[in-house]
Amino acid sequence: MKDNTSCGIAKTMETLGGKWTILIIRDLLEGERRFSELEHSLVGISPRTLALRLKELEGDNIITRNCATGHPVYSLTERGHSLHGILDTMRHWGEGAAV
């Protein structure tokens, strides 16, 4: 039996494997978003789930929250932007293209 604590794939899935997480990152790769913009873009997500996922991603240093305008605005950190290649590969694979 493998020890998943040292497996990079297991660690990645622990961080990104939650329902909606990858789609939140996908949207933030296009630029910063307010909570309501993310909620509108992610049809079917509950406000509670969105808030939970955003908090988890912030805790994992993948996104940052800026409240300077009075309304939180979410954006990717450098670590979050490093996921661009992974999401591109997933997009191509999902479209049936050879990777």
N, C-alpha and C. Protein backbone atom coordinates (compact mmCIF):
# COMPACT_ATOMS: atom_id res chain seq x y z
N MET A 1 0.84 -1.18 0.00
CA MET A 1 0.00 0.00 0.00
C MET A 1 0.89 1.25 0.00
N LYS A 2 0.57 2.20 -0.87
CA LYS A 2 1.36 3.42 -0.99
C LYS A 2 1.03 4.41 0.12
N ASP A 3 2.03 5.16 0.50
CA ASP A 3 1.86 6.23 1.47
C ASP A 3 1.52 7.51 0.71
N ASN A 4 0.26 7.93 0.78
CA ASN A 4 -0.20 9.09 0.02
C ASN A 4 0.32 10.42 0.55
N THR A 5 0.89 10.45 1.74
CA THR A 5 1.36 11.71 2.31
C THR A 5 2.55 12.27 1.55
N SER A 6 3.29 11.41 0.83
CA SER A 6 4.45 11.88 0.09
C SER A 6 4.21 11.91 -1.41
N CYS A 7 3.01 11.59 -1.84
CA CYS A 7 2.68 11.55 -3.27
C CYS A 7 2.20 12.92 -3.74
N GLY A 8 2.88 13.47 -4.73
CA GLY A 8 2.52 14.78 -5.25
C GLY A 8 1.12 14.83 -5.83
N ILE A 9 0.71 13.75 -6.49
CA ILE A 9 -0.64 13.71 -7.07
C ILE A 9 -1.68 13.72 -5.95
N ALA A 10 -1.45 12.94 -4.90
CA ALA A 10 -2.39 12.90 -3.78
C ALA A 10 -2.49 14.27 -3.11
N LYS A 11 -1.35 14.94 -2.95
CA LYS A 11 -1.37 16.28 -2.34
C LYS A 11 -2.13 17.27 -3.21
N THR A 12 -1.92 17.18 -4.52
CA THR A 12 -2.62 18.07 -5.45
C THR A 12 -4.12 17.82 -5.40
N MET A 13 -4.52 16.55 -5.40
CA MET A 13 -5.94 16.23 -5.35
C MET A 13 -6.57 16.64 -4.02
N GLU A 14 -5.81 16.56 -2.96
CA GLU A 14 -6.34 17.01 -1.66
C GLU A 14 -6.66 18.50 -1.71
N THR A 15 -5.84 19.26 -2.41
CA THR A 15 -6.04 20.70 -2.51
C THR A 15 -7.08 21.06 -3.55
N LEU A 16 -7.05 20.41 -4.71
CA LEU A 16 -7.88 20.81 -5.84
C LEU A 16 -9.07 19.91 -6.11
N GLY A 17 -9.19 18.81 -5.37
CA GLY A 17 -10.18 17.80 -5.69
C GLY A 17 -11.60 18.10 -5.24
N GLY A 18 -11.81 19.16 -4.48
CA GLY A 18 -13.16 19.47 -4.02
C GLY A 18 -14.05 19.92 -5.17
N LYS A 19 -15.32 19.56 -5.09
CA LYS A 19 -16.26 19.96 -6.12
C LYS A 19 -16.24 21.47 -6.26
N TRP A 20 -16.17 21.97 -7.46
CA TRP A 20 -16.17 23.38 -7.85
C TRP A 20 -14.79 24.04 -7.79
N THR A 21 -13.83 23.46 -7.09
CA THR A 21 -12.55 24.12 -6.86
C THR A 21 -11.85 24.47 -8.17
N ILE A 22 -11.73 23.51 -9.07
CA ILE A 22 -11.06 23.75 -10.34
C ILE A 22 -11.79 24.81 -11.16
N LEU A 23 -13.12 24.80 -11.11
CA LEU A 23 -13.89 25.79 -11.88
C LEU A 23 -13.74 27.19 -11.31
N ILE A 24 -13.58 27.31 -10.01
CA ILE A 24 -13.31 28.62 -9.40
C ILE A 24 -11.97 29.13 -9.90
N ILE A 25 -10.96 28.26 -9.89
CA ILE A 25 -9.63 28.65 -10.36
C ILE A 25 -9.69 29.01 -11.84
N ARG A 26 -10.43 28.23 -12.63
CA ARG A 26 -10.60 28.53 -14.06
C ARG A 26 -11.11 29.95 -14.26
N ASP A 27 -12.14 30.32 -13.50
CA ASP A 27 -12.70 31.66 -13.63
C ASP A 27 -11.71 32.73 -13.20
N LEU A 28 -10.96 32.47 -12.15
CA LEU A 28 -10.00 33.46 -11.65
C LEU A 28 -8.78 33.58 -12.55
N LEU A 29 -8.51 32.58 -13.38
CA LEU A 29 -7.43 32.70 -14.36
C LEU A 29 -7.73 33.79 -15.38
N GLU A 30 -9.01 34.12 -15.54
CA GLU A 30 -9.42 35.19 -16.46
C GLU A 30 -9.30 36.57 -15.82
N GLY A 31 -9.09 36.63 -14.52
CA GLY A 31 -8.95 37.91 -13.82
C GLY A 31 -9.71 37.90 -12.52
N GLU A 32 -9.55 38.97 -11.75
CA GLU A 32 -10.19 39.04 -10.44
C GLU A 32 -11.71 39.06 -10.57
N ARG A 33 -12.36 38.54 -9.54
CA ARG A 33 -13.82 38.44 -9.53
C ARG A 33 -14.36 38.73 -8.14
N ARG A 34 -15.54 39.29 -8.11
CA ARG A 34 -16.28 39.43 -6.86
C ARG A 34 -17.04 38.14 -6.61
N PHE A 35 -17.46 37.97 -5.37
CA PHE A 35 -18.22 36.78 -4.97
C PHE A 35 -19.42 36.59 -5.89
N SER A 36 -20.19 37.65 -6.10
CA SER A 36 -21.41 37.55 -6.91
C SER A 36 -21.10 37.16 -8.35
N GLU A 37 -19.97 37.62 -8.88
CA GLU A 37 -19.58 37.25 -10.25
C GLU A 37 -19.25 35.76 -10.33
N LEU A 38 -18.56 35.26 -9.34
CA LEU A 38 -18.25 33.83 -9.30
C LEU A 38 -19.53 33.01 -9.14
N GLU A 39 -20.40 33.46 -8.27
CA GLU A 39 -21.66 32.75 -8.02
C GLU A 39 -22.48 32.68 -9.31
N HIS A 40 -22.51 33.76 -10.06
CA HIS A 40 -23.27 33.81 -11.32
C HIS A 40 -22.64 32.90 -12.38
N SER A 41 -21.33 32.87 -12.43
CA SER A 41 -20.60 32.07 -13.42
C SER A 41 -20.71 30.57 -13.15
N LEU A 42 -20.77 30.21 -11.89
CA LEU A 42 -20.78 28.79 -11.48
C LEU A 42 -22.21 28.35 -11.20
N VAL A 43 -22.96 28.17 -12.27
CA VAL A 43 -24.38 27.84 -12.15
C VAL A 43 -24.56 26.56 -11.33
N GLY A 44 -25.33 26.67 -10.27
CA GLY A 44 -25.63 25.52 -9.43
C GLY A 44 -24.88 25.48 -8.12
N ILE A 45 -23.86 26.32 -7.97
CA ILE A 45 -23.12 26.34 -6.71
C ILE A 45 -23.92 27.12 -5.67
N SER A 46 -23.93 26.63 -4.45
CA SER A 46 -24.62 27.36 -3.39
C SER A 46 -23.67 28.41 -2.82
N PRO A 47 -24.21 29.51 -2.29
CA PRO A 47 -23.35 30.53 -1.69
C PRO A 47 -22.49 29.96 -0.57
N ARG A 48 -23.03 29.04 0.18
CA ARG A 48 -22.27 28.42 1.29
C ARG A 48 -21.07 27.63 0.75
N THR A 49 -21.30 26.85 -0.29
CA THR A 49 -20.21 26.06 -0.88
C THR A 49 -19.16 26.97 -1.49
N LEU A 50 -19.59 28.02 -2.19
CA LEU A 50 -18.63 28.96 -2.79
C LEU A 50 -17.79 29.61 -1.70
N ALA A 51 -18.42 30.05 -0.63
CA ALA A 51 -17.68 30.69 0.47
C ALA A 51 -16.68 29.71 1.08
N LEU A 52 -17.09 28.47 1.25
CA LEU A 52 -16.20 27.45 1.82
C LEU A 52 -15.01 27.19 0.91
N ARG A 53 -15.26 27.02 -0.39
CA ARG A 53 -14.16 26.76 -1.33
C ARG A 53 -13.20 27.95 -1.40
N LEU A 54 -13.73 29.17 -1.40
CA LEU A 54 -12.87 30.35 -1.44
C LEU A 54 -11.99 30.42 -0.19
N LYS A 55 -12.57 30.11 0.95
CA LYS A 55 -11.80 30.11 2.20
C LYS A 55 -10.70 29.06 2.16
N GLU A 56 -11.01 27.87 1.64
CA GLU A 56 -10.01 26.80 1.53
C GLU A 56 -8.88 27.22 0.60
N LEU A 57 -9.23 27.79 -0.55
CA LEU A 57 -8.21 28.21 -1.52
C LEU A 57 -7.35 29.34 -0.97
N GLU A 58 -7.96 30.21 -0.20
CA GLU A 58 -7.20 31.29 0.44
C GLU A 58 -6.23 30.69 1.47
N GLY A 59 -6.69 29.71 2.22
CA GLY A 59 -5.85 29.05 3.21
C GLY A 59 -4.68 28.28 2.59
N ASP A 60 -4.88 27.82 1.36
CA ASP A 60 -3.83 27.10 0.63
C ASP A 60 -2.95 28.04 -0.19
N ASN A 61 -3.14 29.34 -0.03
CA ASN A 61 -2.35 30.36 -0.73
C ASN A 61 -2.49 30.25 -2.26
N ILE A 62 -3.69 29.90 -2.71
CA ILE A 62 -3.95 29.83 -4.15
C ILE A 62 -4.69 31.08 -4.60
N ILE A 63 -5.49 31.65 -3.72
CA ILE A 63 -6.17 32.90 -4.03
C ILE A 63 -5.92 33.90 -2.91
N THR A 64 -6.20 35.14 -3.22
CA THR A 64 -6.13 36.20 -2.23
C THR A 64 -7.44 36.98 -2.28
N ARG A 65 -7.80 37.54 -1.16
CA ARG A 65 -9.03 38.32 -1.06
C ARG A 65 -8.66 39.75 -0.70
N ASN A 66 -9.14 40.70 -1.50
CA ASN A 66 -8.87 42.12 -1.26
C ASN A 66 -10.19 42.80 -0.93
N CYS A 67 -10.26 43.42 0.23
CA CYS A 67 -11.49 44.08 0.67
C CYS A 67 -11.39 45.60 0.63
N ALA A 68 -10.44 46.13 -0.11
CA ALA A 68 -10.20 47.59 -0.13
C ALA A 68 -11.41 48.37 -0.62
N THR A 69 -12.21 47.79 -1.51
CA THR A 69 -13.37 48.50 -2.06
C THR A 69 -14.62 48.33 -1.20
N GLY A 70 -14.52 47.57 -0.13
CA GLY A 70 -15.69 47.29 0.70
C GLY A 70 -16.37 45.99 0.32
N HIS A 71 -16.16 45.55 -0.91
CA HIS A 71 -16.67 44.26 -1.39
C HIS A 71 -15.46 43.39 -1.71
N PRO A 72 -15.40 42.20 -1.14
CA PRO A 72 -14.25 41.34 -1.42
C PRO A 72 -14.08 41.05 -2.91
N VAL A 73 -12.85 41.15 -3.34
CA VAL A 73 -12.48 40.80 -4.72
C VAL A 73 -11.43 39.70 -4.61
N TYR A 74 -11.64 38.62 -5.35
CA TYR A 74 -10.77 37.47 -5.29
C TYR A 74 -9.88 37.42 -6.53
N SER A 75 -8.64 37.05 -6.33
CA SER A 75 -7.70 36.88 -7.44
C SER A 75 -6.72 35.78 -7.09
N LEU A 76 -6.05 35.29 -8.11
CA LEU A 76 -5.07 34.23 -7.91
C LEU A 76 -3.75 34.78 -7.41
N THR A 77 -3.10 34.03 -6.57
CA THR A 77 -1.75 34.34 -6.14
C THR A 77 -0.80 33.79 -7.22
N GLU A 78 0.48 34.00 -7.03
CA GLU A 78 1.46 33.42 -7.95
C GLU A 78 1.32 31.90 -7.98
N ARG A 79 1.12 31.31 -6.82
CA ARG A 79 0.91 29.86 -6.75
C ARG A 79 -0.34 29.45 -7.52
N GLY A 80 -1.39 30.24 -7.41
CA GLY A 80 -2.62 29.96 -8.15
C GLY A 80 -2.42 30.04 -9.65
N HIS A 81 -1.68 31.05 -10.09
CA HIS A 81 -1.39 31.19 -11.52
C HIS A 81 -0.55 30.02 -12.05
N SER A 82 0.21 29.39 -11.16
CA SER A 82 1.04 28.26 -11.60
C SER A 82 0.19 27.07 -12.03
N LEU A 83 -1.11 27.08 -11.74
CA LEU A 83 -2.01 26.00 -12.13
C LEU A 83 -2.50 26.15 -13.57
N HIS A 84 -2.14 27.23 -14.23
CA HIS A 84 -2.63 27.50 -15.59
C HIS A 84 -2.34 26.32 -16.53
N GLY A 85 -1.13 25.81 -16.51
CA GLY A 85 -0.77 24.70 -17.39
C GLY A 85 -1.58 23.45 -17.11
N ILE A 86 -1.82 23.17 -15.85
CA ILE A 86 -2.61 22.00 -15.48
C ILE A 86 -4.03 22.13 -16.02
N LEU A 87 -4.63 23.30 -15.85
CA LEU A 87 -5.99 23.50 -16.33
C LEU A 87 -6.05 23.49 -17.85
N ASP A 88 -5.03 24.02 -18.52
CA ASP A 88 -4.97 23.95 -19.98
C ASP A 88 -4.94 22.51 -20.45
N THR A 89 -4.13 21.70 -19.80
CA THR A 89 -4.05 20.28 -20.16
C THR A 89 -5.40 19.60 -19.93
N MET A 90 -6.06 19.91 -18.83
CA MET A 90 -7.37 19.33 -18.55
C MET A 90 -8.38 19.76 -19.61
N ARG A 91 -8.34 21.03 -20.01
CA ARG A 91 -9.26 21.54 -21.03
C ARG A 91 -9.06 20.79 -22.34
N HIS A 92 -7.81 20.66 -22.77
CA HIS A 92 -7.51 19.96 -24.01
C HIS A 92 -7.96 18.51 -23.94
N TRP A 93 -7.67 17.85 -22.84
CA TRP A 93 -8.06 16.46 -22.67
C TRP A 93 -9.58 16.32 -22.74
N GLY A 94 -10.29 17.22 -22.05
CA GLY A 94 -11.75 17.19 -22.04
C GLY A 94 -12.39 17.46 -23.39
N GLU A 95 -11.66 18.20 -24.22
CA GLU A 95 -12.15 18.49 -25.58
C GLU A 95 -11.78 17.37 -26.54
N GLY A 96 -11.09 16.34 -26.05
CA GLY A 96 -10.75 15.20 -26.88
C GLY A 96 -9.49 15.39 -27.69
N ALA A 97 -8.74 16.44 -27.41
CA ALA A 97 -7.51 16.70 -28.15
C ALA A 97 -6.37 15.86 -27.56
N ALA A 98 -5.45 15.50 -28.39
CA ALA A 98 -4.24 14.82 -27.91
C ALA A 98 -3.41 15.80 -27.13
N VAL A 99 -2.84 15.34 -26.05
CA VAL A 99 -2.02 16.21 -25.20
C VAL A 99 -0.56 15.93 -25.42
